[in-house]
Amino acid sequence: MMGSWAGAMGHTQFIPTSFDALAVDFTGDGKRDVWNPRKPDDA
């Protein structure tokens, strides 16, 4: 769970509350992984 000093995360820099409300599991693997450097699908 890495990101910016202000708490923004992943390819498109979601803050945790936005992630919790609106992030999706587009790959269907059971996780909303916006950090995967090789697979930006969820982000």
ModelCIF file with pLDDT and N, C-alpha, C, O atoms, coordinates in Angstrom:
data_MODEL
#
_entry.id   MODEL 
#
_entity.id                         1 
_entity.type                       polymer 
_entity.pdbx_number_of_molecules   1 
#
_entity_poly.entity_id                      1 
_entity_poly.type                           'polypeptide(L)' 
_entity_poly.nstd_linkage                   no 
_entity_poly.nstd_monomer                   no 
_entity_poly.pdbx_seq_one_letter_code       MMGSWAGAMGHTQFIPTSFDALAVDFTGDGKRDVWNPRKPDDA 
_entity_poly.pdbx_seq_one_letter_code_can   MMGSWAGAMGHTQFIPTSFDALAVDFTGDGKRDVWNPRKPDDA 
_entity_poly.pdbx_strand_id                 A 
#
loop_
_entity_poly_seq.entity_id 
_entity_poly_seq.num 
_entity_poly_seq.mon_id 
_entity_poly_seq.hetero 
1 1  MET n 
1 2  MET n 
1 3  GLY n 
1 4  SER n 
1 5  TRP n 
1 6  ALA n 
1 7  GLY n 
1 8  ALA n 
1 9  MET n 
1 10 GLY n 
1 11 HIS n 
1 12 THR n 
1 13 GLN n 
1 14 PHE n 
1 15 ILE n 
1 16 PRO n 
1 17 THR n 
1 18 SER n 
1 19 PHE n 
1 20 ASP n 
1 21 ALA n 
1 22 LEU n 
1 23 ALA n 
1 24 VAL n 
1 25 ASP n 
1 26 PHE n 
1 27 THR n 
1 28 GLY n 
1 29 ASP n 
1 30 GLY n 
1 31 LYS n 
1 32 ARG n 
1 33 ASP n 
1 34 VAL n 
1 35 TRP n 
1 36 ASN n 
1 37 PRO n 
1 38 ARG n 
1 39 LYS n 
1 40 PRO n 
1 41 ASP n 
1 42 ASP n 
1 43 ALA n 
#
_struct_asym.id          A 
_struct_asym.entity_id   1 
#
loop_
_ma_qa_metric.id 
_ma_qa_metric.mode 
_ma_qa_metric.name 
_ma_qa_metric.software_group_id 
_ma_qa_metric.type 
1 global pLDDT . pLDDT 
2 local  pLDDT . pLDDT 
#
_ma_qa_metric_global.metric_id      1 
_ma_qa_metric_global.metric_value   96.88 
_ma_qa_metric_global.model_id       1 
_ma_qa_metric_global.ordinal_id     1 
#
loop_
_ma_qa_metric_local.label_asym_id 
_ma_qa_metric_local.label_comp_id 
_ma_qa_metric_local.label_seq_id 
_ma_qa_metric_local.metric_id 
_ma_qa_metric_local.metric_value 
_ma_qa_metric_local.model_id 
_ma_qa_metric_local.ordinal_id 
A MET 1  2 97.00 1 1  
A MET 2  2 97.00 1 2  
A GLY 3  2 97.00 1 3  
A SER 4  2 95.00 1 4  
A TRP 5  2 94.00 1 5  
A ALA 6  2 94.00 1 6  
A GLY 7  2 96.00 1 7  
A ALA 8  2 97.00 1 8  
A MET 9  2 97.00 1 9  
A GLY 10 2 97.00 1 10 
A HIS 11 2 98.00 1 11 
A THR 12 2 98.00 1 12 
A GLN 13 2 98.00 1 13 
A PHE 14 2 97.00 1 14 
A ILE 15 2 97.00 1 15 
A PRO 16 2 98.00 1 16 
A THR 17 2 97.00 1 17 
A SER 18 2 97.00 1 18 
A PHE 19 2 97.00 1 19 
A ASP 20 2 97.00 1 20 
A ALA 21 2 97.00 1 21 
A LEU 22 2 97.00 1 22 
A ALA 23 2 98.00 1 23 
A VAL 24 2 98.00 1 24 
A ASP 25 2 98.00 1 25 
A PHE 26 2 98.00 1 26 
A THR 27 2 97.00 1 27 
A GLY 28 2 97.00 1 28 
A ASP 29 2 96.00 1 29 
A GLY 30 2 96.00 1 30 
A LYS 31 2 96.00 1 31 
A ARG 32 2 97.00 1 32 
A ASP 33 2 97.00 1 33 
A VAL 34 2 98.00 1 34 
A TRP 35 2 97.00 1 35 
A ASN 36 2 96.00 1 36 
A PRO 37 2 95.00 1 37 
A ARG 38 2 94.00 1 38 
A LYS 39 2 97.00 1 39 
A PRO 40 2 98.00 1 40 
A ASP 41 2 98.00 1 41 
A ASP 42 2 98.00 1 42 
A ALA 43 2 98.00 1 43 
#
loop_
_atom_site.group_PDB 
_atom_site.id 
_atom_site.type_symbol 
_atom_site.label_atom_id 
_atom_site.label_alt_id 
_atom_site.label_comp_id 
_atom_site.label_asym_id 
_atom_site.label_entity_id 
_atom_site.label_seq_id 
_atom_site.pdbx_PDB_ins_code 
_atom_site.Cartn_x 
_atom_site.Cartn_y 
_atom_site.Cartn_z 
_atom_site.occupancy 
_atom_site.B_iso_or_equiv 
_atom_site.pdbx_formal_charge 
_atom_site.auth_seq_id 
_atom_site.auth_comp_id 
_atom_site.auth_asym_id 
_atom_site.auth_atom_id 
_atom_site.pdbx_PDB_model_num 
ATOM 1   N N  . MET A 1 1  ? 0.854   -1.198  0.000   1.00 97.00 ? 1  MET A N  1 
ATOM 2   C CA . MET A 1 1  ? 0.000   0.000   0.000   1.00 97.00 ? 1  MET A CA 1 
ATOM 3   C C  . MET A 1 1  ? 0.886   1.243   0.000   1.00 97.00 ? 1  MET A C  1 
ATOM 4   O O  . MET A 1 1  ? 1.100   1.874   1.035   1.00 97.00 ? 1  MET A O  1 
ATOM 5   N N  . MET A 1 2  ? 1.393   1.577   -1.176  1.00 97.00 ? 2  MET A N  1 
ATOM 6   C CA . MET A 1 2  ? 2.283   2.714   -1.335  1.00 97.00 ? 2  MET A CA 1 
ATOM 7   C C  . MET A 1 2  ? 1.571   3.838   -2.086  1.00 97.00 ? 2  MET A C  1 
ATOM 8   O O  . MET A 1 2  ? 0.582   3.610   -2.782  1.00 97.00 ? 2  MET A O  1 
ATOM 9   N N  . GLY A 1 3  ? 2.090   5.048   -1.930  1.00 97.00 ? 3  GLY A N  1 
ATOM 10  C CA . GLY A 1 3  ? 1.483   6.183   -2.621  1.00 97.00 ? 3  GLY A CA 1 
ATOM 11  C C  . GLY A 1 3  ? 2.191   7.480   -2.304  1.00 97.00 ? 3  GLY A C  1 
ATOM 12  O O  . GLY A 1 3  ? 3.393   7.497   -2.035  1.00 97.00 ? 3  GLY A O  1 
ATOM 13  N N  . SER A 1 4  ? 1.438   8.571   -2.337  1.00 95.00 ? 4  SER A N  1 
ATOM 14  C CA . SER A 1 4  ? 2.013   9.893   -2.112  1.00 95.00 ? 4  SER A CA 1 
ATOM 15  C C  . SER A 1 4  ? 2.005   10.247  -0.637  1.00 95.00 ? 4  SER A C  1 
ATOM 16  O O  . SER A 1 4  ? 1.406   9.548   0.180   1.00 95.00 ? 4  SER A O  1 
ATOM 17  N N  . TRP A 1 5  ? 2.676   11.342  -0.306  1.00 94.00 ? 5  TRP A N  1 
ATOM 18  C CA . TRP A 1 5  ? 2.734   11.786  1.089   1.00 94.00 ? 5  TRP A CA 1 
ATOM 19  C C  . TRP A 1 5  ? 1.351   12.154  1.622   1.00 94.00 ? 5  TRP A C  1 
ATOM 20  O O  . TRP A 1 5  ? 1.122   12.115  2.831   1.00 94.00 ? 5  TRP A O  1 
ATOM 21  N N  . ALA A 1 6  ? 0.420   12.515  0.719   1.00 94.00 ? 6  ALA A N  1 
ATOM 22  C CA . ALA A 1 6  ? -0.925  12.923  1.141   1.00 94.00 ? 6  ALA A CA 1 
ATOM 23  C C  . ALA A 1 6  ? -1.911  11.763  1.164   1.00 94.00 ? 6  ALA A C  1 
ATOM 24  O O  . ALA A 1 6  ? -3.097  11.958  1.427   1.00 94.00 ? 6  ALA A O  1 
ATOM 25  N N  . GLY A 1 7  ? -1.424  10.556  0.889   1.00 96.00 ? 7  GLY A N  1 
ATOM 26  C CA . GLY A 1 7  ? -2.294  9.393   0.966   1.00 96.00 ? 7  GLY A CA 1 
ATOM 27  C C  . GLY A 1 7  ? -2.939  8.971   -0.333  1.00 96.00 ? 7  GLY A C  1 
ATOM 28  O O  . GLY A 1 7  ? -3.802  8.093   -0.326  1.00 96.00 ? 7  GLY A O  1 
ATOM 29  N N  . ALA A 1 8  ? -2.547  9.571   -1.464  1.00 97.00 ? 8  ALA A N  1 
ATOM 30  C CA . ALA A 1 8  ? -3.109  9.186   -2.761  1.00 97.00 ? 8  ALA A CA 1 
ATOM 31  C C  . ALA A 1 8  ? -2.423  7.917   -3.254  1.00 97.00 ? 8  ALA A C  1 
ATOM 32  O O  . ALA A 1 8  ? -1.212  7.752   -3.103  1.00 97.00 ? 8  ALA A O  1 
ATOM 33  N N  . MET A 1 9  ? -3.218  7.020   -3.847  1.00 97.00 ? 9  MET A N  1 
ATOM 34  C CA . MET A 1 9  ? -2.711  5.673   -4.117  1.00 97.00 ? 9  MET A CA 1 
ATOM 35  C C  . MET A 1 9  ? -2.946  5.227   -5.557  1.00 97.00 ? 9  MET A C  1 
ATOM 36  O O  . MET A 1 9  ? -3.951  5.573   -6.177  1.00 97.00 ? 9  MET A O  1 
ATOM 37  N N  . GLY A 1 10 ? -2.005  4.459   -6.067  1.00 97.00 ? 10 GLY A N  1 
ATOM 38  C CA . GLY A 1 10 ? -2.193  3.737   -7.302  1.00 97.00 ? 10 GLY A CA 1 
ATOM 39  C C  . GLY A 1 10 ? -2.019  4.545   -8.578  1.00 97.00 ? 10 GLY A C  1 
ATOM 40  O O  . GLY A 1 10 ? -1.571  5.692   -8.554  1.00 97.00 ? 10 GLY A O  1 
ATOM 41  N N  . HIS A 1 11 ? -2.381  3.925   -9.681  1.00 98.00 ? 11 HIS A N  1 
ATOM 42  C CA . HIS A 1 11 ? -2.199  4.515   -11.010 1.00 98.00 ? 11 HIS A CA 1 
ATOM 43  C C  . HIS A 1 11 ? -2.891  5.862   -11.152 1.00 98.00 ? 11 HIS A C  1 
ATOM 44  O O  . HIS A 1 11 ? -2.362  6.771   -11.793 1.00 98.00 ? 11 HIS A O  1 
ATOM 45  N N  . THR A 1 12 ? -4.065  5.994   -10.561 1.00 98.00 ? 12 THR A N  1 
ATOM 46  C CA . THR A 1 12 ? -4.836  7.232   -10.717 1.00 98.00 ? 12 THR A CA 1 
ATOM 47  C C  . THR A 1 12 ? -5.042  7.955   -9.394  1.00 98.00 ? 12 THR A C  1 
ATOM 48  O O  . THR A 1 12 ? -5.914  8.817   -9.285  1.00 98.00 ? 12 THR A O  1 
ATOM 49  N N  . GLN A 1 13 ? -4.248  7.609   -8.393  1.00 98.00 ? 13 GLN A N  1 
ATOM 50  C CA . GLN A 1 13 ? -4.106  8.364   -7.152  1.00 98.00 ? 13 GLN A CA 1 
ATOM 51  C C  . GLN A 1 13 ? -5.418  8.583   -6.390  1.00 98.00 ? 13 GLN A C  1 
ATOM 52  O O  . GLN A 1 13 ? -5.819  9.719   -6.135  1.00 98.00 ? 13 GLN A O  1 
ATOM 53  N N  . PHE A 1 14 ? -6.065  7.499   -6.040  1.00 97.00 ? 14 PHE A N  1 
ATOM 54  C CA . PHE A 1 14 ? -7.250  7.540   -5.184  1.00 97.00 ? 14 PHE A CA 1 
ATOM 55  C C  . PHE A 1 14 ? -6.832  7.751   -3.734  1.00 97.00 ? 14 PHE A C  1 
ATOM 56  O O  . PHE A 1 14 ? -5.866  7.138   -3.279  1.00 97.00 ? 14 PHE A O  1 
ATOM 57  N N  . ILE A 1 15 ? -7.538  8.602   -3.002  1.00 97.00 ? 15 ILE A N  1 
ATOM 58  C CA . ILE A 1 15 ? -7.365  8.624   -1.556  1.00 97.00 ? 15 ILE A CA 1 
ATOM 59  C C  . ILE A 1 15 ? -8.220  7.489   -0.991  1.00 97.00 ? 15 ILE A C  1 
ATOM 60  O O  . ILE A 1 15 ? -9.161  7.056   -1.656  1.00 97.00 ? 15 ILE A O  1 
ATOM 61  N N  . PRO A 1 16 ? -7.926  6.995   0.209   1.00 98.00 ? 16 PRO A N  1 
ATOM 62  C CA . PRO A 1 16 ? -8.624  5.813   0.725   1.00 98.00 ? 16 PRO A CA 1 
ATOM 63  C C  . PRO A 1 16 ? -10.144 5.906   0.728   1.00 98.00 ? 16 PRO A C  1 
ATOM 64  O O  . PRO A 1 16 ? -10.810 4.935   0.369   1.00 98.00 ? 16 PRO A O  1 
ATOM 65  N N  . THR A 1 17 ? -10.718 7.047   1.124   1.00 97.00 ? 17 THR A N  1 
ATOM 66  C CA . THR A 1 17 ? -12.181 7.127   1.177   1.00 97.00 ? 17 THR A CA 1 
ATOM 67  C C  . THR A 1 17 ? -12.802 7.029   -0.214  1.00 97.00 ? 17 THR A C  1 
ATOM 68  O O  . THR A 1 17 ? -13.859 6.418   -0.374  1.00 97.00 ? 17 THR A O  1 
ATOM 69  N N  . SER A 1 18 ? -12.161 7.621   -1.219  1.00 97.00 ? 18 SER A N  1 
ATOM 70  C CA . SER A 1 18 ? -12.663 7.499   -2.590  1.00 97.00 ? 18 SER A CA 1 
ATOM 71  C C  . SER A 1 18 ? -12.510 6.067   -3.089  1.00 97.00 ? 18 SER A C  1 
ATOM 72  O O  . SER A 1 18 ? -13.394 5.532   -3.758  1.00 97.00 ? 18 SER A O  1 
ATOM 73  N N  . PHE A 1 19 ? -11.391 5.463   -2.757  1.00 97.00 ? 19 PHE A N  1 
ATOM 74  C CA . PHE A 1 19 ? -11.174 4.060   -3.110  1.00 97.00 ? 19 PHE A CA 1 
ATOM 75  C C  . PHE A 1 19 ? -12.262 3.183   -2.506  1.00 97.00 ? 19 PHE A C  1 
ATOM 76  O O  . PHE A 1 19 ? -12.867 2.362   -3.196  1.00 97.00 ? 19 PHE A O  1 
ATOM 77  N N  . ASP A 1 20 ? -12.503 3.363   -1.219  1.00 97.00 ? 20 ASP A N  1 
ATOM 78  C CA . ASP A 1 20 ? -13.472 2.524   -0.520  1.00 97.00 ? 20 ASP A CA 1 
ATOM 79  C C  . ASP A 1 20 ? -14.868 2.648   -1.119  1.00 97.00 ? 20 ASP A C  1 
ATOM 80  O O  . ASP A 1 20 ? -15.613 1.670   -1.186  1.00 97.00 ? 20 ASP A O  1 
ATOM 81  N N  . ALA A 1 21 ? -15.218 3.862   -1.555  1.00 97.00 ? 21 ALA A N  1 
ATOM 82  C CA . ALA A 1 21 ? -16.562 4.107   -2.077  1.00 97.00 ? 21 ALA A CA 1 
ATOM 83  C C  . ALA A 1 21 ? -16.717 3.729   -3.540  1.00 97.00 ? 21 ALA A C  1 
ATOM 84  O O  . ALA A 1 21 ? -17.789 3.284   -3.953  1.00 97.00 ? 21 ALA A O  1 
ATOM 85  N N  . LEU A 1 22 ? -15.644 3.902   -4.347  1.00 97.00 ? 22 LEU A N  1 
ATOM 86  C CA . LEU A 1 22 ? -15.832 3.834   -5.794  1.00 97.00 ? 22 LEU A CA 1 
ATOM 87  C C  . LEU A 1 22 ? -14.887 2.904   -6.552  1.00 97.00 ? 22 LEU A C  1 
ATOM 88  O O  . LEU A 1 22 ? -15.089 2.680   -7.745  1.00 97.00 ? 22 LEU A O  1 
ATOM 89  N N  . ALA A 1 23 ? -13.878 2.366   -5.907  1.00 98.00 ? 23 ALA A N  1 
ATOM 90  C CA . ALA A 1 23 ? -12.978 1.449   -6.610  1.00 98.00 ? 23 ALA A CA 1 
ATOM 91  C C  . ALA A 1 23 ? -13.708 0.150   -6.940  1.00 98.00 ? 23 ALA A C  1 
ATOM 92  O O  . ALA A 1 23 ? -14.588 -0.286  -6.197  1.00 98.00 ? 23 ALA A O  1 
ATOM 93  N N  . VAL A 1 24 ? -13.333 -0.463  -8.064  1.00 98.00 ? 24 VAL A N  1 
ATOM 94  C CA . VAL A 1 24 ? -14.006 -1.680  -8.517  1.00 98.00 ? 24 VAL A CA 1 
ATOM 95  C C  . VAL A 1 24 ? -12.994 -2.786  -8.801  1.00 98.00 ? 24 VAL A C  1 
ATOM 96  O O  . VAL A 1 24 ? -11.826 -2.529  -9.094  1.00 98.00 ? 24 VAL A O  1 
ATOM 97  N N  . ASP A 1 25 ? -13.476 -4.018  -8.705  1.00 98.00 ? 25 ASP A N  1 
ATOM 98  C CA . ASP A 1 25 ? -12.674 -5.199  -9.051  1.00 98.00 ? 25 ASP A CA 1 
ATOM 99  C C  . ASP A 1 25 ? -13.011 -5.569  -10.484 1.00 98.00 ? 25 ASP A C  1 
ATOM 100 O O  . ASP A 1 25 ? -13.855 -6.433  -10.722 1.00 98.00 ? 25 ASP A O  1 
ATOM 101 N N  . PHE A 1 26 ? -12.355 -4.922  -11.440 1.00 98.00 ? 26 PHE A N  1 
ATOM 102 C CA . PHE A 1 26 ? -12.672 -5.137  -12.852 1.00 98.00 ? 26 PHE A CA 1 
ATOM 103 C C  . PHE A 1 26 ? -12.145 -6.466  -13.358 1.00 98.00 ? 26 PHE A C  1 
ATOM 104 O O  . PHE A 1 26 ? -12.697 -7.033  -14.301 1.00 98.00 ? 26 PHE A O  1 
ATOM 105 N N  . THR A 1 27 ? -11.073 -6.975  -12.735 1.00 97.00 ? 27 THR A N  1 
ATOM 106 C CA . THR A 1 27 ? -10.489 -8.237  -13.190 1.00 97.00 ? 27 THR A CA 1 
ATOM 107 C C  . THR A 1 27 ? -11.251 -9.444  -12.654 1.00 97.00 ? 27 THR A C  1 
ATOM 108 O O  . THR A 1 27 ? -11.128 -10.544 -13.194 1.00 97.00 ? 27 THR A O  1 
ATOM 109 N N  . GLY A 1 28 ? -12.039 -9.248  -11.594 1.00 97.00 ? 28 GLY A N  1 
ATOM 110 C CA . GLY A 1 28 ? -12.807 -10.349 -11.022 1.00 97.00 ? 28 GLY A CA 1 
ATOM 111 C C  . GLY A 1 28 ? -12.006 -11.299 -10.165 1.00 97.00 ? 28 GLY A C  1 
ATOM 112 O O  . GLY A 1 28 ? -12.409 -12.443 -9.958  1.00 97.00 ? 28 GLY A O  1 
ATOM 113 N N  . ASP A 1 29 ? -10.849 -10.829 -9.652  1.00 96.00 ? 29 ASP A N  1 
ATOM 114 C CA . ASP A 1 29 ? -10.015 -11.714 -8.828  1.00 96.00 ? 29 ASP A CA 1 
ATOM 115 C C  . ASP A 1 29 ? -10.294 -11.559 -7.334  1.00 96.00 ? 29 ASP A C  1 
ATOM 116 O O  . ASP A 1 29 ? -9.593  -12.132 -6.499  1.00 96.00 ? 29 ASP A O  1 
ATOM 117 N N  . GLY A 1 30 ? -11.331 -10.776 -7.006  1.00 96.00 ? 30 GLY A N  1 
ATOM 118 C CA . GLY A 1 30 ? -11.695 -10.609 -5.609  1.00 96.00 ? 30 GLY A CA 1 
ATOM 119 C C  . GLY A 1 30 ? -10.993 -9.463  -4.903  1.00 96.00 ? 30 GLY A C  1 
ATOM 120 O O  . GLY A 1 30 ? -11.227 -9.231  -3.717  1.00 96.00 ? 30 GLY A O  1 
ATOM 121 N N  . LYS A 1 31 ? -10.131 -8.741  -5.619  1.00 96.00 ? 31 LYS A N  1 
ATOM 122 C CA . LYS A 1 31 ? -9.407  -7.617  -5.030  1.00 96.00 ? 31 LYS A CA 1 
ATOM 123 C C  . LYS A 1 31 ? -9.514  -6.398  -5.932  1.00 96.00 ? 31 LYS A C  1 
ATOM 124 O O  . LYS A 1 31 ? -9.555  -6.512  -7.157  1.00 96.00 ? 31 LYS A O  1 
ATOM 125 N N  . ARG A 1 32 ? -9.559  -5.229  -5.301  1.00 97.00 ? 32 ARG A N  1 
ATOM 126 C CA . ARG A 1 32 ? -9.527  -3.975  -6.050  1.00 97.00 ? 32 ARG A CA 1 
ATOM 127 C C  . ARG A 1 32 ? -8.084  -3.474  -6.014  1.00 97.00 ? 32 ARG A C  1 
ATOM 128 O O  . ARG A 1 32 ? -7.709  -2.683  -5.150  1.00 97.00 ? 32 ARG A O  1 
ATOM 129 N N  . ASP A 1 33 ? -7.298  -3.942  -6.952  1.00 97.00 ? 33 ASP A N  1 
ATOM 130 C CA . ASP A 1 33 ? -5.857  -3.682  -6.929  1.00 97.00 ? 33 ASP A CA 1 
ATOM 131 C C  . ASP A 1 33 ? -5.516  -2.542  -7.893  1.00 97.00 ? 33 ASP A C  1 
ATOM 132 O O  . ASP A 1 33 ? -5.338  -2.761  -9.091  1.00 97.00 ? 33 ASP A O  1 
ATOM 133 N N  . VAL A 1 34 ? -5.427  -1.323  -7.351  1.00 98.00 ? 34 VAL A N  1 
ATOM 134 C CA . VAL A 1 34 ? -5.103  -0.163  -8.186  1.00 98.00 ? 34 VAL A CA 1 
ATOM 135 C C  . VAL A 1 34 ? -3.599  0.101   -8.237  1.00 98.00 ? 34 VAL A C  1 
ATOM 136 O O  . VAL A 1 34 ? -3.160  1.078   -8.843  1.00 98.00 ? 34 VAL A O  1 
ATOM 137 N N  . TRP A 1 35 ? -2.804  -0.775  -7.595  1.00 97.00 ? 35 TRP A N  1 
ATOM 138 C CA . TRP A 1 35 ? -1.362  -0.573  -7.491  1.00 97.00 ? 35 TRP A CA 1 
ATOM 139 C C  . TRP A 1 35 ? -0.559  -1.403  -8.491  1.00 97.00 ? 35 TRP A C  1 
ATOM 140 O O  . TRP A 1 35 ? 0.592   -1.071  -8.772  1.00 97.00 ? 35 TRP A O  1 
ATOM 141 N N  . ASN A 1 36 ? -1.132  -2.461  -9.027  1.00 96.00 ? 36 ASN A N  1 
ATOM 142 C CA . ASN A 1 36 ? -0.378  -3.407  -9.855  1.00 96.00 ? 36 ASN A CA 1 
ATOM 143 C C  . ASN A 1 36 ? 0.294   -2.686  -11.023 1.00 96.00 ? 36 ASN A C  1 
ATOM 144 O O  . ASN A 1 36 ? -0.399  -2.175  -11.903 1.00 96.00 ? 36 ASN A O  1 
ATOM 145 N N  . PRO A 1 37 ? 1.636   -2.634  -11.052 1.00 95.00 ? 37 PRO A N  1 
ATOM 146 C CA . PRO A 1 37 ? 2.326   -1.871  -12.102 1.00 95.00 ? 37 PRO A CA 1 
ATOM 147 C C  . PRO A 1 37 ? 2.165   -2.456  -13.495 1.00 95.00 ? 37 PRO A C  1 
ATOM 148 O O  . PRO A 1 37 ? 2.292   -1.739  -14.487 1.00 95.00 ? 37 PRO A O  1 
ATOM 149 N N  . ARG A 1 38 ? 1.887   -3.749  -13.579 1.00 94.00 ? 38 ARG A N  1 
ATOM 150 C CA . ARG A 1 38 ? 1.760   -4.405  -14.879 1.00 94.00 ? 38 ARG A CA 1 
ATOM 151 C C  . ARG A 1 38 ? 0.311   -4.582  -15.331 1.00 94.00 ? 38 ARG A C  1 
ATOM 152 O O  . ARG A 1 38 ? 0.054   -4.961  -16.473 1.00 94.00 ? 38 ARG A O  1 
ATOM 153 N N  . LYS A 1 39 ? -0.618  -4.310  -14.445 1.00 97.00 ? 39 LYS A N  1 
ATOM 154 C CA . LYS A 1 39 ? -2.020  -4.554  -14.772 1.00 97.00 ? 39 LYS A CA 1 
ATOM 155 C C  . LYS A 1 39 ? -2.877  -3.412  -14.205 1.00 97.00 ? 39 LYS A C  1 
ATOM 156 O O  . LYS A 1 39 ? -3.327  -3.492  -13.062 1.00 97.00 ? 39 LYS A O  1 
ATOM 157 N N  . PRO A 1 40 ? -3.108  -2.349  -14.996 1.00 98.00 ? 40 PRO A N  1 
ATOM 158 C CA . PRO A 1 40 ? -3.844  -1.185  -14.494 1.00 98.00 ? 40 PRO A CA 1 
ATOM 159 C C  . PRO A 1 40 ? -5.361  -1.319  -14.592 1.00 98.00 ? 40 PRO A C  1 
ATOM 160 O O  . PRO A 1 40 ? -6.078  -0.333  -14.425 1.00 98.00 ? 40 PRO A O  1 
ATOM 161 N N  . ASP A 1 41 ? -5.857  -2.525  -14.859 1.00 98.00 ? 41 ASP A N  1 
ATOM 162 C CA . ASP A 1 41 ? -7.281  -2.739  -15.126 1.00 98.00 ? 41 ASP A CA 1 
ATOM 163 C C  . ASP A 1 41 ? -8.186  -2.153  -14.042 1.00 98.00 ? 41 ASP A C  1 
ATOM 164 O O  . ASP A 1 41 ? -9.075  -1.353  -14.333 1.00 98.00 ? 41 ASP A O  1 
ATOM 165 N N  . ASP A 1 42 ? -7.954  -2.556  -12.789 1.00 98.00 ? 42 ASP A N  1 
ATOM 166 C CA . ASP A 1 42 ? -8.813  -2.100  -11.692 1.00 98.00 ? 42 ASP A CA 1 
ATOM 167 C C  . ASP A 1 42 ? -8.724  -0.589  -11.516 1.00 98.00 ? 42 ASP A C  1 
ATOM 168 O O  . ASP A 1 42 ? -9.732  0.068   -11.256 1.00 98.00 ? 42 ASP A O  1 
ATOM 169 N N  . ALA A 1 43 ? -7.522  -0.038  -11.656 1.00 98.00 ? 43 ALA A N  1 
ATOM 170 C CA . ALA A 1 43 ? -7.331  1.402   -11.457 1.00 98.00 ? 43 ALA A CA 1 
ATOM 171 C C  . ALA A 1 43 ? -8.079  2.211   -12.516 1.00 98.00 ? 43 ALA A C  1 
ATOM 172 O O  . ALA A 1 43 ? -8.030  3.441   -12.502 1.00 98.00 ? 43 ALA A O  1 
#
